[in-house]
Amino acid sequence: MLSGRPASGRDPARRALVAGAGGFIGHHLTAFLKRQGFWVRGVDLKHPEYAPTEADEFLILDLRERESCNRASESIDEIYQLAADMGGMGYISENHAHIFTNNSLININMLATARESRVRRFLCASSACVYPEHLQYEAAVTPLKEEYAYPANPQDAYGWEKLTSERLCMYYRQDYGLETRIARFHNIFGPLGTWEGGREKAPAALCRKIAVAKITGNPEVEIWGDGEQTRSFCYIDDCLSGIYGLMQSDYPEPLNLGQDRMVSINELADIIAEVAGVSIVKVHVPGPQGVRGRNSDNSRVGDILGWEPEVSLEEGLALTYRWVEEKVRASIHSTEEATVVAIGR
């Protein structure tokens, strides 16, 4: 029997499972739900990397396995299903079969368990990657409305898997009465996320590169492609309030959760450089770029939830950059110390 439940009676606090609580959004969401008065169980393959979890209980489990899902969901009221095999473009463009297999297993098992466990609500963390590639050929893209997902034509396996998981949620709601909610995230960023190693996304990667440029005095910053590809970027705090609002609502269809301010990657680099107080020289190199342009249409989420982002891109990047620069300085210092030790042997 899992710990955390009083010996008699039902815990009056709502009990939430955050699947993927060792990851970026899941770690932040755990802390957010605690502030809302939830008892929270976190589950992941690993503990959060950059700060201790605030979960009441944290289990190391592989949610590709059905028994692990059963264990994770015991005595839970709401499931926030964020567990996924994912990363930036450099990762998802090279691991199609791996991503599709792992994420499909997780979502199929978690939905089946949610039905059997009779949870109150189930959040499916989807992605803007579900939108058709042919609508995103131009940098000056038309903002993507929820209905634009069909006819389906996502660019990669990650997008196809997210779209099929959305459909599975719909069928579980129709066939079994499971209250599912679907959030399509658009490039969520902030501190305490992956910033190196190949799985980091554009804001964190550019923060790292610009921090290195500042610390080393070498102003060159590599950018994949010509840098004119466009995206919108949503700060983590706004994402969390959107998730919570969606889960408390009665709206079962997919909703965009993202900023609706579109910038190019070159512009993103310039904003971060200004935050860092450094001049940079952009060096454009070959690399995976994803679709040419992508932006969120927030009309529906505004109408349904009354939600809109409150943190500006500049404010969010300032907070993120300061955190990444600290990590870069610590990494460089550690490398220098290791070199000194090696020379002294």
Protein backbone atom coordinates (compact mmCIF):
# COMPACT_ATOMS: atom_id res chain seq x y z
CA MET A 1 0.00 0.00 0.00
CA LEU A 2 1.36 3.43 -0.89
CA SER A 3 2.19 5.93 1.82
CA GLY A 4 0.59 9.35 2.27
CA ARG A 5 -3.02 8.30 3.04
CA PRO A 6 -4.36 8.61 6.60
CA ALA A 7 -5.21 5.28 8.22
CA SER A 8 -8.91 6.12 8.32
CA GLY A 9 -11.14 8.38 6.25
CA ARG A 10 -10.37 10.21 3.05
CA ASP A 11 -7.76 12.95 2.98
CA PRO A 12 -9.78 16.19 2.62
CA ALA A 13 -7.16 17.66 0.27
CA ARG A 14 -7.55 16.90 -3.42
CA ARG A 15 -5.00 14.32 -4.43
CA ALA A 16 -3.11 14.91 -7.67
CA LEU A 17 -0.68 12.78 -9.61
CA VAL A 18 1.89 14.66 -11.67
CA ALA A 19 3.31 12.16 -14.13
CA GLY A 20 6.61 13.48 -15.40
CA ALA A 21 7.27 15.39 -12.17
CA GLY A 22 11.02 15.10 -12.68
CA GLY A 23 10.82 17.18 -15.83
CA PHE A 24 10.63 20.92 -16.40
CA ILE A 25 6.87 21.61 -16.52
CA GLY A 26 6.05 18.75 -14.15
CA HIS A 27 8.45 20.03 -11.49
CA HIS A 28 6.97 23.52 -11.62
CA LEU A 29 3.42 22.14 -11.71
CA THR A 30 4.03 20.08 -8.57
CA ALA A 31 4.95 23.23 -6.65
CA PHE A 32 2.00 25.12 -8.15
CA LEU A 33 -0.51 22.45 -7.12
CA LYS A 34 0.89 22.38 -3.59
CA ARG A 35 0.20 26.11 -3.37
CA GLN A 36 -3.41 25.40 -4.41
CA GLY A 37 -3.80 23.00 -1.49
CA PHE A 38 -3.36 19.66 -3.26
CA TRP A 39 -1.69 16.59 -1.87
CA VAL A 40 0.68 15.71 -4.72
CA ARG A 41 2.34 12.49 -5.79
CA GLY A 42 5.14 12.95 -8.32
CA VAL A 43 6.26 10.14 -10.60
CA ASP A 44 9.12 9.97 -13.07
CA LEU A 45 12.14 7.94 -14.15
CA LYS A 46 14.28 10.46 -12.30
CA HIS A 47 14.11 13.10 -9.59
CA PRO A 48 14.11 16.78 -10.65
CA GLU A 49 17.64 17.73 -11.61
CA TYR A 50 17.91 21.33 -10.46
CA ALA A 51 15.86 21.68 -7.26
CA PRO A 52 14.21 19.33 -4.74
CA THR A 53 10.64 18.31 -5.48
CA GLU A 54 7.81 19.69 -3.36
CA ALA A 55 5.73 16.55 -3.88
CA ASP A 56 4.31 14.89 -0.78
CA GLU A 57 5.45 11.62 -2.28
CA PHE A 58 7.81 10.97 -5.21
CA LEU A 59 8.04 7.57 -6.87
CA ILE A 60 10.61 6.40 -9.41
CA LEU A 61 8.51 4.43 -11.88
CA ASP A 62 8.53 3.56 -15.59
CA LEU A 63 5.10 4.56 -16.89
CA ARG A 64 5.58 2.55 -20.06
CA GLU A 65 4.67 -0.37 -17.80
CA ARG A 66 1.02 -0.85 -16.82
CA GLU A 67 1.76 -1.96 -13.27
CA SER A 68 3.75 1.22 -12.67
CA CYS A 69 0.77 3.28 -13.86
CA ASN A 70 -1.52 1.38 -11.50
CA ARG A 71 0.81 2.08 -8.60
CA ALA A 72 1.18 5.73 -9.49
CA SER A 73 -2.59 6.31 -9.74
CA GLU A 74 -3.68 4.64 -6.51
CA SER A 75 -6.05 6.88 -4.46
CA ILE A 76 -5.70 9.83 -6.86
CA ASP A 77 -8.39 12.37 -7.81
CA GLU A 78 -6.72 14.19 -10.71
CA ILE A 79 -3.98 13.07 -13.11
CA TYR A 80 -1.72 15.56 -14.86
CA GLN A 81 -0.10 13.45 -17.57
CA LEU A 82 3.11 15.26 -18.54
CA ALA A 83 5.40 12.24 -18.78
CA ALA A 84 6.97 12.07 -22.23
CA ASP A 85 10.13 11.27 -24.15
CA MET A 86 10.94 14.67 -25.64
CA GLY A 87 13.49 17.41 -26.22
CA GLY A 88 14.36 20.20 -28.62
CA MET A 89 14.47 19.94 -32.41
CA GLY A 90 17.89 18.32 -32.33
CA TYR A 91 16.41 15.39 -30.41
CA ILE A 92 12.91 14.95 -31.80
CA SER A 93 14.12 15.15 -35.41
CA GLU A 94 16.39 12.12 -34.92
CA ASN A 95 14.41 9.78 -32.64
CA HIS A 96 11.04 9.26 -34.32
CA ALA A 97 10.44 5.57 -33.55
CA HIS A 98 11.78 5.86 -30.01
CA ILE A 99 9.60 8.88 -29.21
CA PHE A 100 6.43 7.47 -30.78
CA THR A 101 6.79 4.12 -29.03
CA ASN A 102 7.62 5.45 -25.57
CA ASN A 103 5.00 8.18 -25.52
CA SER A 104 2.25 5.98 -26.92
CA LEU A 105 2.88 3.34 -24.28
CA ILE A 106 2.79 5.95 -21.50
CA ASN A 107 -0.44 7.58 -22.66
CA ILE A 108 -2.29 4.35 -23.42
CA ASN A 109 -1.39 2.90 -20.03
CA MET A 110 -2.15 6.08 -18.12
CA LEU A 111 -5.59 6.51 -19.70
CA ALA A 112 -6.51 2.88 -19.05
CA THR A 113 -5.42 3.23 -15.44
CA ALA A 114 -7.27 6.54 -15.03
CA ARG A 115 -10.49 4.88 -16.19
CA GLU A 116 -10.13 1.93 -13.85
CA SER A 117 -9.09 4.15 -10.93
CA ARG A 118 -12.12 6.41 -11.49
CA VAL A 119 -10.12 9.61 -11.32
CA ARG A 120 -12.05 12.88 -11.47
CA ARG A 121 -10.04 14.59 -14.22
CA PHE A 122 -7.21 13.68 -16.60
CA LEU A 123 -4.97 16.25 -18.28
CA CYS A 124 -3.36 15.34 -21.58
CA ALA A 125 -0.27 17.48 -22.25
CA SER A 126 -0.33 17.91 -26.01
CA SER A 127 1.74 20.20 -28.21
CA ALA A 128 1.63 22.76 -31.00
CA CYS A 129 3.52 20.10 -32.96
CA VAL A 130 0.12 18.57 -33.82
CA TYR A 131 -0.57 21.31 -36.38
CA PRO A 132 -0.16 20.53 -40.10
CA GLU A 133 3.22 21.18 -41.63
CA HIS A 134 1.70 22.78 -44.73
CA LEU A 135 0.23 25.59 -42.61
CA GLN A 136 3.70 26.48 -41.31
CA TYR A 137 5.80 26.86 -44.45
CA GLU A 138 6.19 30.64 -44.08
CA ALA A 139 7.85 32.63 -41.30
CA ALA A 140 4.93 35.08 -41.31
CA VAL A 141 2.53 32.28 -40.38
CA THR A 142 -1.17 32.75 -39.69
CA PRO A 143 -1.76 32.07 -35.96
CA LEU A 144 -2.90 28.49 -35.46
CA LYS A 145 -6.47 27.92 -34.31
CA GLU A 146 -7.43 24.68 -32.62
CA GLU A 147 -9.55 23.49 -35.55
CA TYR A 148 -6.57 23.81 -37.92
CA ALA A 149 -5.20 20.50 -36.61
CA TYR A 150 -7.34 18.70 -39.21
CA PRO A 151 -6.88 17.47 -41.92
CA ALA A 152 -3.94 16.04 -40.02
CA ASN A 153 -0.38 16.44 -41.25
CA PRO A 154 2.07 16.95 -38.34
CA GLN A 155 5.71 17.32 -39.27
CA ASP A 156 7.23 14.57 -37.17
CA ALA A 157 6.58 11.55 -34.96
CA TYR A 158 6.29 13.68 -31.85
CA GLY A 159 3.41 15.61 -33.39
CA TRP A 160 1.67 12.48 -34.68
CA GLU A 161 1.89 10.82 -31.29
CA LYS A 162 0.45 13.88 -29.55
CA LEU A 163 -2.43 14.02 -32.01
CA THR A 164 -3.27 10.33 -31.60
CA SER A 165 -3.18 10.76 -27.82
CA GLU A 166 -5.66 13.62 -28.12
CA ARG A 167 -7.97 11.30 -30.09
CA LEU A 168 -7.60 8.57 -27.50
CA CYS A 169 -8.62 11.04 -24.78
CA MET A 170 -11.69 11.93 -26.81
CA TYR A 171 -12.67 8.28 -27.14
CA TYR A 172 -12.17 7.62 -23.42
CA ARG A 173 -14.44 10.55 -22.67
CA GLN A 174 -17.09 9.41 -25.17
CA ASP A 175 -16.98 5.69 -24.38
CA TYR A 176 -16.21 5.66 -20.68
CA GLY A 177 -17.13 9.09 -19.34
CA LEU A 178 -13.57 9.94 -18.28
CA GLU A 179 -13.29 13.71 -17.91
CA THR A 180 -10.28 14.54 -20.08
CA ARG A 181 -8.74 17.95 -20.71
CA ILE A 182 -6.25 18.68 -23.50
CA ALA A 183 -3.67 21.47 -23.46
CA ARG A 184 -1.63 22.20 -26.59
CA PHE A 185 1.58 23.77 -25.28
CA HIS A 186 3.44 26.32 -27.41
CA ASN A 187 7.15 26.46 -26.50
CA ILE A 188 7.07 26.71 -22.71
CA PHE A 189 10.29 28.03 -21.14
CA GLY A 190 11.75 29.19 -17.84
CA PRO A 191 14.32 28.37 -15.14
CA LEU A 192 14.95 24.82 -13.86
CA GLY A 193 14.78 23.30 -17.33
CA THR A 194 17.26 21.40 -19.48
CA TRP A 195 19.90 23.87 -20.72
CA GLU A 196 22.56 21.61 -22.26
CA GLY A 197 23.10 18.12 -23.63
CA GLY A 198 20.97 18.14 -26.79
CA ARG A 199 17.44 18.04 -25.34
CA GLU A 200 17.23 21.74 -24.48
CA LYS A 201 14.88 23.99 -26.44
CA ALA A 202 15.68 27.24 -28.22
CA PRO A 203 15.35 29.75 -25.32
CA ALA A 204 17.57 27.68 -23.00
CA ALA A 205 20.05 26.85 -25.77
CA LEU A 206 20.45 30.51 -26.72
CA CYS A 207 20.70 31.55 -23.07
CA ARG A 208 23.55 29.05 -22.67
CA LYS A 209 25.36 30.12 -25.84
CA ILE A 210 25.08 33.81 -25.00
CA ALA A 211 26.21 33.21 -21.41
CA VAL A 212 29.29 31.41 -22.78
CA ALA A 213 29.91 34.32 -25.15
CA LYS A 214 29.68 36.78 -22.25
CA ILE A 215 31.93 34.80 -19.91
CA THR A 216 34.60 33.85 -22.45
CA GLY A 217 34.62 37.11 -24.41
CA ASN A 218 34.04 35.28 -27.70
CA PRO A 219 30.98 37.02 -29.20
CA GLU A 220 30.14 34.32 -31.76
CA VAL A 221 26.82 32.53 -31.16
CA GLU A 222 25.75 29.69 -33.45
CA ILE A 223 22.15 29.66 -34.70
CA TRP A 224 20.69 26.83 -36.76
CA GLY A 225 19.57 27.94 -40.20
CA ASP A 226 19.17 31.60 -41.14
CA GLY A 227 17.47 32.43 -37.85
CA GLU A 228 14.39 33.83 -39.55
CA GLN A 229 12.19 30.89 -38.50
CA THR A 230 9.50 32.15 -36.12
CA ARG A 231 7.89 30.93 -32.90
CA SER A 232 5.96 32.19 -29.88
CA PHE A 233 7.34 31.46 -26.41
CA CYS A 234 5.29 31.16 -23.21
CA TYR A 235 6.76 31.58 -19.72
CA ILE A 236 6.24 28.71 -17.30
CA ASP A 237 4.13 30.65 -14.76
CA ASP A 238 1.55 31.50 -17.42
CA CYS A 239 1.49 27.88 -18.56
CA LEU A 240 0.73 26.71 -15.02
CA SER A 241 -2.18 29.08 -14.54
CA GLY A 242 -3.57 27.94 -17.89
CA ILE A 243 -3.30 24.27 -16.96
CA TYR A 244 -5.08 24.87 -13.68
CA GLY A 245 -7.84 26.91 -15.28
CA LEU A 246 -8.39 24.25 -17.92
CA MET A 247 -8.60 21.45 -15.35
CA GLN A 248 -11.17 23.38 -13.31
CA SER A 249 -13.26 24.11 -16.40
CA ASP A 250 -15.87 21.97 -18.13
CA TYR A 251 -14.25 22.35 -21.57
CA PRO A 252 -13.18 18.96 -23.02
CA GLU A 253 -11.75 19.97 -26.42
CA PRO A 254 -8.10 20.86 -27.13
CA LEU A 255 -6.99 24.38 -26.18
CA ASN A 256 -3.85 26.29 -27.13
CA LEU A 257 -1.73 27.37 -24.18
CA GLY A 258 0.95 29.74 -25.37
CA GLN A 259 1.99 33.27 -26.11
CA ASP A 260 0.54 34.86 -29.24
CA ARG A 261 3.54 37.14 -29.81
CA MET A 262 5.67 35.76 -32.63
CA VAL A 263 9.42 36.45 -32.92
CA SER A 264 12.20 35.10 -35.10
CA ILE A 265 15.05 33.11 -33.60
CA ASN A 266 17.35 36.00 -34.52
CA GLU A 267 15.11 38.35 -32.55
CA LEU A 268 15.04 35.93 -29.64
CA ALA A 269 18.85 35.94 -29.58
CA ASP A 270 18.91 39.75 -29.64
CA ILE A 271 16.51 39.98 -26.69
CA ILE A 272 18.63 37.54 -24.65
CA ALA A 273 21.84 39.39 -25.56
CA GLU A 274 20.29 42.64 -24.34
CA VAL A 275 19.27 40.95 -21.09
CA ALA A 276 22.83 39.64 -20.74
CA GLY A 277 24.31 43.06 -21.50
CA VAL A 278 26.56 41.74 -24.24
CA SER A 279 27.01 42.22 -27.99
CA ILE A 280 26.94 39.03 -30.03
CA VAL A 281 27.87 37.96 -33.55
CA LYS A 282 25.36 35.50 -34.98
CA VAL A 283 26.92 32.61 -36.90
CA HIS A 284 24.32 30.73 -38.93
CA VAL A 285 25.08 27.03 -39.29
CA PRO A 286 23.23 23.98 -40.67
CA GLY A 287 20.91 22.28 -38.21
CA PRO A 288 17.33 21.08 -37.69
CA GLN A 289 14.89 23.97 -37.66
CA GLY A 290 11.42 22.44 -37.55
CA VAL A 291 8.63 24.28 -39.31
CA ARG A 292 9.35 27.71 -40.79
CA GLY A 293 6.81 29.58 -38.69
CA ARG A 294 4.47 28.88 -35.76
CA ASN A 295 2.27 31.08 -33.59
CA SER A 296 -0.61 30.46 -31.21
CA ASP A 297 -4.10 31.81 -31.77
CA ASN A 298 -5.36 32.49 -28.24
CA SER A 299 -8.91 33.51 -29.13
CA ARG A 300 -10.55 30.36 -27.86
CA VAL A 301 -8.61 29.99 -24.62
CA GLY A 302 -9.41 33.63 -23.87
CA ASP A 303 -13.11 33.07 -24.50
CA ILE A 304 -13.31 29.77 -22.61
CA LEU A 305 -11.02 30.39 -19.64
CA GLY A 306 -10.53 34.15 -19.64
CA TRP A 307 -6.81 33.31 -19.74
CA GLU A 308 -4.05 35.34 -21.28
CA PRO A 309 -0.29 35.39 -20.66
CA GLU A 310 0.82 37.93 -18.07
CA VAL A 311 4.62 37.56 -18.25
CA SER A 312 6.22 39.34 -21.20
CA LEU A 313 8.85 37.60 -23.30
CA GLU A 314 11.49 40.02 -22.04
CA GLU A 315 10.57 39.41 -18.38
CA GLY A 316 10.56 35.64 -18.81
CA LEU A 317 13.85 35.59 -20.68
CA ALA A 318 15.49 37.78 -18.03
CA LEU A 319 14.53 35.29 -15.32
CA THR A 320 15.59 32.33 -17.44
CA TYR A 321 18.88 33.86 -18.57
CA ARG A 322 20.01 34.70 -15.04
CA TRP A 323 19.42 31.10 -13.98
CA VAL A 324 21.19 29.64 -17.04
CA GLU A 325 24.17 31.99 -16.64
CA GLU A 326 24.63 30.74 -13.08
CA LYS A 327 24.67 27.15 -14.36
CA VAL A 328 27.15 28.01 -17.13
CA ARG A 329 29.49 29.80 -14.71
CA ALA A 330 29.37 26.85 -12.32
CA SER A 331 30.06 24.43 -15.18
CA ILE A 332 33.04 26.45 -16.46
CA HIS A 333 34.43 26.80 -12.92
CA SER A 334 34.10 23.07 -12.36
CA THR A 335 35.89 22.34 -15.65
CA GLU A 336 38.72 24.73 -14.78
CA GLU A 337 39.15 23.14 -11.35
CA ALA A 338 39.27 19.65 -12.90
CA THR A 339 41.94 20.85 -15.36
CA VAL A 340 44.07 22.30 -12.58
CA VAL A 341 43.84 19.03 -10.63
CA ALA A 342 44.75 16.99 -13.70
CA ILE A 343 47.80 19.20 -14.46
CA GLY A 344 48.94 18.94 -10.85
CA ARG A 345 49.06 15.17 -10.85
